[in-house]
């Protein structure tokens, strides 16, 4: 059977604990009232999805439709604002404190049990082969249009793999791998709550993204982080909608996430999932790289 959201949240809470949880601990972790927790735990126990504060094998089976099964990395671009370092190295392969940017993202996926990993490559594509020594499970998707179109061309290449899938911008420096979750109740986009932002951001209503724009302020403004998750149904819709928008006038100039959030937004209800400034950062310029890693400041 499909799970109600509170049932889902309790079961995922149980998967994240190595010890049995009391009702009080579940209440604290799942952030619902004790009465709601008590009723839902009774339902889950009767369904044999949990027992004595632990998830059962039947509970894990019930969570299976909500499990992230694959990860797609958009890594085809040049990274012009990080010149001169990107003249010879694709931005995701740039090292920060000795570790390639993309390695931390891949490691976070593996920690979450996501082993099916695709990298869409274009600029200096052959350099990504070096990743295979550490990550032999990686599969590459080639984007021949990376120099002629925006990143929608990378999503076009990967459009048939987007169900139960994460999509990553491959140049994000992650410091908290726990933000990559094994289970998702619905499609969502990571974002940081802000009073105001000059960057790409979302306007959110009742937890759902209703607008994507550059800059904003107010109680409903969330700064976009380039990590999203797409459930099975939305992934199937994206495979068609990406191709349709790409083929439309001006389609090659679009950003890929504008397909579900702007040009076909009536077909999706994408939720926002909160993270924080200290969890992840996008290194946009060479000066920002030097500020983070002093070894470049020579």
Protein backbone atom coordinates (compact mmCIF):
# COMPACT_ATOMS: atom_id res chain seq x y z
CA UNK A 1 0.00 0.00 0.00
CA UNK A 2 1.06 3.63 -0.40
CA UNK A 3 2.12 5.38 2.77
CA UNK A 4 0.61 8.49 4.30
CA UNK A 5 3.20 11.19 4.88
CA UNK A 6 3.36 10.75 8.66
CA UNK A 7 3.77 7.00 8.22
CA UNK A 8 6.58 7.66 5.75
CA UNK A 9 8.30 10.12 8.08
CA UNK A 10 8.21 7.72 11.03
CA UNK A 11 9.52 4.80 8.99
CA UNK A 12 12.36 6.85 7.54
CA UNK A 13 13.18 8.09 11.04
CA UNK A 14 13.48 4.48 12.15
CA UNK A 15 15.83 3.66 9.24
CA UNK A 16 18.18 6.42 10.39
CA UNK A 17 18.53 5.06 13.92
CA UNK A 18 20.78 2.17 14.93
CA UNK A 19 18.79 1.58 18.14
CA UNK A 20 15.05 1.16 18.87
CA UNK A 21 13.24 4.47 19.32
CA UNK A 22 10.70 5.39 22.00
CA UNK A 23 7.60 7.40 21.16
CA UNK A 24 9.25 10.50 22.64
CA UNK A 25 12.32 10.10 20.46
CA UNK A 26 10.18 9.53 17.38
CA UNK A 27 8.16 12.65 18.28
CA UNK A 28 11.36 14.70 18.51
CA UNK A 29 12.81 13.37 15.25
CA UNK A 30 9.62 13.39 13.15
CA UNK A 31 8.38 16.73 14.56
CA UNK A 32 4.76 15.77 15.07
CA UNK A 33 2.60 15.82 18.18
CA UNK A 34 2.80 12.87 20.53
CA UNK A 35 -0.86 12.09 19.82
CA UNK A 36 -0.23 11.93 16.07
CA UNK A 37 2.89 9.82 16.61
CA UNK A 38 1.02 7.43 18.90
CA UNK A 39 -1.80 6.91 16.38
CA UNK A 40 0.58 6.42 13.47
CA UNK A 41 2.84 4.03 15.37
CA UNK A 42 -0.25 1.95 16.18
CA UNK A 43 -1.14 1.85 12.47
CA UNK A 44 2.39 0.87 11.46
CA UNK A 45 2.57 -1.79 14.16
CA UNK A 46 -0.75 -3.29 13.07
CA UNK A 47 0.51 -3.32 9.48
CA UNK A 48 3.69 -5.04 10.76
CA UNK A 49 5.86 -2.25 9.36
CA UNK A 50 7.47 -1.65 12.75
CA UNK A 51 7.89 -3.55 15.98
CA UNK A 52 9.37 -2.56 19.34
CA UNK A 53 10.65 0.77 18.05
CA UNK A 54 12.34 -0.72 14.99
CA UNK A 55 11.42 -0.95 11.33
CA UNK A 56 10.67 -4.44 10.02
CA UNK A 57 11.51 -6.01 6.67
CA UNK A 58 7.90 -5.33 5.63
CA UNK A 59 8.43 -1.68 6.54
CA UNK A 60 11.53 -1.52 4.36
CA UNK A 61 9.52 -3.05 1.52
CA UNK A 62 6.83 -0.39 2.00
CA UNK A 63 9.52 2.30 1.68
CA UNK A 64 10.97 0.84 -1.51
CA UNK A 65 8.85 2.94 -3.94
CA UNK A 66 10.21 6.06 -2.22
CA UNK A 67 13.88 5.08 -2.45
CA UNK A 68 16.35 7.10 -4.51
CA UNK A 69 17.67 4.64 -7.08
CA UNK A 70 20.07 6.70 -9.20
CA UNK A 71 21.96 9.98 -9.43
CA UNK A 72 22.53 12.14 -12.51
CA UNK A 73 25.38 14.66 -12.49
CA UNK A 74 25.19 17.59 -14.90
CA UNK A 75 28.89 18.11 -15.62
CA UNK A 76 29.23 19.11 -19.27
CA UNK A 77 29.85 22.87 -19.00
CA UNK A 78 33.03 24.91 -19.27
CA UNK A 79 32.91 26.84 -15.99
CA UNK A 80 34.02 30.13 -17.50
CA UNK A 81 33.86 32.08 -14.23
CA UNK A 82 36.46 29.78 -12.70
CA UNK A 83 39.10 30.61 -15.32
CA UNK A 84 42.07 30.08 -15.31
CA UNK A 85 41.73 26.82 -13.39
CA UNK A 86 39.09 25.46 -15.78
CA UNK A 87 41.20 26.06 -18.88
CA UNK A 88 42.71 22.63 -18.32
CA UNK A 89 40.31 21.01 -15.82
CA UNK A 90 36.51 20.61 -15.85
CA UNK A 91 35.04 22.44 -12.86
CA UNK A 92 33.70 19.31 -11.10
CA UNK A 93 37.23 17.86 -11.11
CA UNK A 94 38.83 20.91 -9.51
CA UNK A 95 40.35 19.98 -6.15
CA UNK A 96 39.45 21.82 -2.96
CA UNK A 97 41.74 20.97 -0.05
CA UNK A 98 43.06 18.10 -2.16
CA UNK A 99 39.67 16.51 -2.95
CA UNK A 100 37.83 16.83 -6.26
CA UNK A 101 34.55 18.73 -5.90
CA UNK A 102 32.50 15.94 -7.46
CA UNK A 103 34.03 13.27 -5.17
CA UNK A 104 32.25 14.62 -2.11
CA UNK A 105 28.92 14.51 -3.95
CA UNK A 106 29.47 10.97 -5.20
CA UNK A 107 30.53 9.84 -1.73
CA UNK A 108 27.32 11.32 -0.29
CA UNK A 109 25.29 9.33 -2.82
CA UNK A 110 27.09 6.11 -1.96
CA UNK A 111 26.50 6.73 1.76
CA UNK A 112 22.78 7.02 0.97
CA UNK A 113 22.85 3.69 -0.86
CA UNK A 114 22.66 5.24 -4.34
CA UNK A 115 25.02 3.18 -6.50
CA UNK A 116 23.62 3.81 -9.98
CA UNK A 117 25.49 6.96 -11.00
CA UNK A 118 25.56 8.76 -14.35
CA UNK A 119 27.72 11.73 -15.29
CA UNK A 120 26.73 13.84 -18.28
CA UNK A 121 29.99 15.16 -19.68
CA UNK A 122 31.05 17.44 -22.53
CA UNK A 123 33.95 19.87 -21.98
CA UNK A 124 37.25 17.96 -21.64
CA UNK A 125 35.13 14.81 -21.40
CA UNK A 126 38.02 12.36 -21.34
CA UNK A 127 39.30 13.79 -18.05
CA UNK A 128 36.31 12.32 -16.25
CA UNK A 129 37.70 8.85 -16.98
CA UNK A 130 40.02 9.31 -14.00
CA UNK A 131 36.97 8.92 -11.72
CA UNK A 132 36.65 5.26 -12.73
CA UNK A 133 39.68 4.26 -10.66
CA UNK A 134 37.85 5.26 -7.48
CA UNK A 135 34.25 4.83 -8.69
CA UNK A 136 34.08 1.94 -11.19
CA UNK A 137 30.26 1.97 -11.07
CA UNK A 138 30.03 5.33 -12.88
CA UNK A 139 28.50 5.43 -16.35
CA UNK A 140 29.07 8.37 -18.68
CA UNK A 141 26.52 10.08 -20.90
CA UNK A 142 27.93 12.25 -23.68
CA UNK A 143 26.50 15.70 -24.43
CA UNK A 144 27.65 16.78 -27.90
CA UNK A 145 25.67 20.03 -27.62
CA UNK A 146 27.31 21.35 -24.42
CA UNK A 147 28.98 24.23 -26.27
CA UNK A 148 25.87 25.21 -28.24
CA UNK A 149 23.06 24.94 -25.68
CA UNK A 150 22.40 25.53 -22.01
CA UNK A 151 22.25 22.72 -19.46
CA UNK A 152 18.86 21.61 -20.76
CA UNK A 153 20.91 19.75 -23.36
CA UNK A 154 22.47 17.65 -20.59
CA UNK A 155 19.06 16.79 -19.16
CA UNK A 156 17.94 15.83 -22.66
CA UNK A 157 20.71 13.23 -22.79
CA UNK A 158 19.68 11.85 -19.37
CA UNK A 159 15.90 12.29 -19.69
CA UNK A 160 15.08 8.57 -19.58
CA UNK A 161 16.92 8.07 -16.26
CA UNK A 162 15.10 10.70 -14.19
CA UNK A 163 12.59 8.52 -12.32
CA UNK A 164 13.48 7.96 -8.64
CA UNK A 165 16.56 10.02 -9.34
CA UNK A 166 18.65 12.81 -7.91
CA UNK A 167 19.89 15.47 -10.32
CA UNK A 168 23.03 17.30 -9.24
CA UNK A 169 24.87 20.30 -10.51
CA UNK A 170 28.32 18.73 -10.32
CA UNK A 171 30.19 21.80 -9.06
CA UNK A 172 28.69 22.07 -5.57
CA UNK A 173 31.02 21.78 -2.58
CA UNK A 174 29.14 19.68 -0.03
CA UNK A 175 30.17 19.61 3.63
CA UNK A 176 27.14 17.79 5.08
CA UNK A 177 26.52 14.54 3.19
CA UNK A 178 23.45 13.85 5.36
CA UNK A 179 21.43 16.23 3.19
CA UNK A 180 21.41 13.49 0.54
CA UNK A 181 18.52 11.29 1.65
CA UNK A 182 17.79 7.68 0.80
CA UNK A 183 14.00 8.13 0.80
CA UNK A 184 11.75 10.90 -0.56
CA UNK A 185 7.99 11.21 -0.21
CA UNK A 186 7.71 13.33 -3.35
CA UNK A 187 9.81 15.34 -5.79
CA UNK A 188 11.77 18.10 -4.10
CA UNK A 189 14.47 20.74 -4.54
CA UNK A 190 17.06 21.65 -1.94
CA UNK A 191 17.02 25.31 -0.96
CA UNK A 192 18.17 27.67 1.80
CA UNK A 193 15.66 29.94 3.57
CA UNK A 194 16.64 33.59 3.14
CA UNK A 195 15.28 37.01 4.09
CA UNK A 196 16.46 38.17 0.67
CA UNK A 197 18.56 36.83 -2.18
CA UNK A 198 20.18 38.17 -5.35
CA UNK A 199 20.69 34.65 -6.64
CA UNK A 200 18.34 32.16 -8.25
CA UNK A 201 15.59 31.50 -5.76
CA UNK A 202 12.15 30.00 -5.27
CA UNK A 203 8.92 31.50 -4.08
CA UNK A 204 7.22 28.87 -1.94
CA UNK A 205 3.65 28.42 -0.77
CA UNK A 206 2.66 25.66 1.68
CA UNK A 207 5.99 23.96 1.05
CA UNK A 208 5.55 23.82 -2.74
CA UNK A 209 7.60 25.83 -5.24
CA UNK A 210 5.29 28.21 -7.09
CA UNK A 211 7.86 30.40 -8.86
CA UNK A 212 11.53 30.37 -9.85
CA UNK A 213 13.20 33.75 -10.28
CA UNK A 214 16.39 35.72 -9.82
CA UNK A 215 16.36 37.68 -6.57
CA UNK A 216 13.65 38.17 -4.03
CA UNK A 217 12.82 38.94 -0.43
CA UNK A 218 10.12 38.05 2.08
CA UNK A 219 8.93 35.15 4.19
CA UNK A 220 8.52 32.80 1.24
CA UNK A 221 11.94 33.19 -0.43
CA UNK A 222 14.33 30.24 -0.65
CA UNK A 223 17.71 30.37 -2.39
CA UNK A 224 18.06 27.54 -4.87
CA UNK A 225 20.64 24.80 -4.39
CA UNK A 226 21.35 22.79 -7.52
CA UNK A 227 20.26 19.43 -6.12
CA UNK A 228 16.82 17.98 -6.77
CA UNK A 229 15.00 14.67 -6.53
CA UNK A 230 12.32 13.38 -8.91
CA UNK A 231 9.90 10.59 -8.07
CA UNK A 232 8.84 7.91 -10.51
CA UNK A 233 5.78 9.70 -11.93
CA UNK A 234 7.50 13.07 -12.35
CA UNK A 235 10.55 11.43 -13.89
CA UNK A 236 8.39 9.90 -16.61
CA UNK A 237 6.75 13.26 -17.29
CA UNK A 238 10.12 14.98 -17.45
CA UNK A 239 11.38 12.62 -20.14
CA UNK A 240 8.74 14.02 -22.51
CA UNK A 241 8.56 17.60 -21.27
CA UNK A 242 12.33 18.18 -21.49
CA UNK A 243 12.33 17.06 -25.12
CA UNK A 244 9.31 19.24 -25.93
CA UNK A 245 10.75 22.39 -24.32
CA UNK A 246 14.17 21.79 -25.90
CA UNK A 247 12.54 21.57 -29.34
CA UNK A 248 10.48 24.74 -28.80
CA UNK A 249 11.62 28.21 -29.97
CA UNK A 250 14.47 29.33 -27.72
CA UNK A 251 14.47 25.96 -26.00
CA UNK A 252 18.21 25.43 -26.24
CA UNK A 253 18.81 28.52 -24.07
CA UNK A 254 16.75 27.20 -21.14
CA UNK A 255 18.01 25.86 -17.86
CA UNK A 256 16.82 22.31 -17.35
CA UNK A 257 14.95 22.91 -14.07
CA UNK A 258 12.85 25.57 -15.82
CA UNK A 259 10.99 22.72 -17.53
CA UNK A 260 9.12 21.56 -14.39
CA UNK A 261 9.29 24.89 -12.54
CA UNK A 262 8.44 27.37 -15.31
CA UNK A 263 7.44 26.04 -18.75
CA UNK A 264 5.48 22.97 -17.64
CA UNK A 265 4.90 23.88 -13.99
CA UNK A 266 1.18 23.10 -14.14
CA UNK A 267 2.14 19.41 -14.39
CA UNK A 268 4.30 19.31 -11.24
CA UNK A 269 4.10 20.05 -7.51
CA UNK A 270 7.74 20.19 -6.44
CA UNK A 271 8.35 20.67 -2.74
CA UNK A 272 11.21 22.60 -1.18
CA UNK A 273 13.53 20.71 1.17
CA UNK A 274 15.53 22.83 3.57
CA UNK A 275 19.28 22.87 3.93
CA UNK A 276 21.62 25.51 5.33
CA UNK A 277 24.54 27.68 4.24
CA UNK A 278 26.98 25.51 6.16
CA UNK A 279 25.78 22.34 4.38
CA UNK A 280 26.83 23.22 0.85
CA UNK A 281 28.25 26.04 -1.26
CA UNK A 282 28.59 26.74 -4.97
CA UNK A 283 32.00 28.04 -5.95
CA UNK A 284 31.16 30.46 -8.74
CA UNK A 285 34.42 32.35 -9.28
CA UNK A 286 38.16 31.84 -8.99
CA UNK A 287 38.27 34.43 -6.20
CA UNK A 288 35.73 32.37 -4.22
CA UNK A 289 37.87 29.28 -4.77
CA UNK A 290 40.95 31.12 -3.47
CA UNK A 291 39.01 32.28 -0.41
CA UNK A 292 38.08 28.69 0.45
CA UNK A 293 41.40 27.03 -0.47
CA UNK A 294 44.41 29.26 0.15
CA UNK A 295 46.67 27.01 -1.93
CA UNK A 296 45.25 28.72 -5.03
CA UNK A 297 46.14 32.18 -3.69
CA UNK A 298 49.67 32.33 -5.06
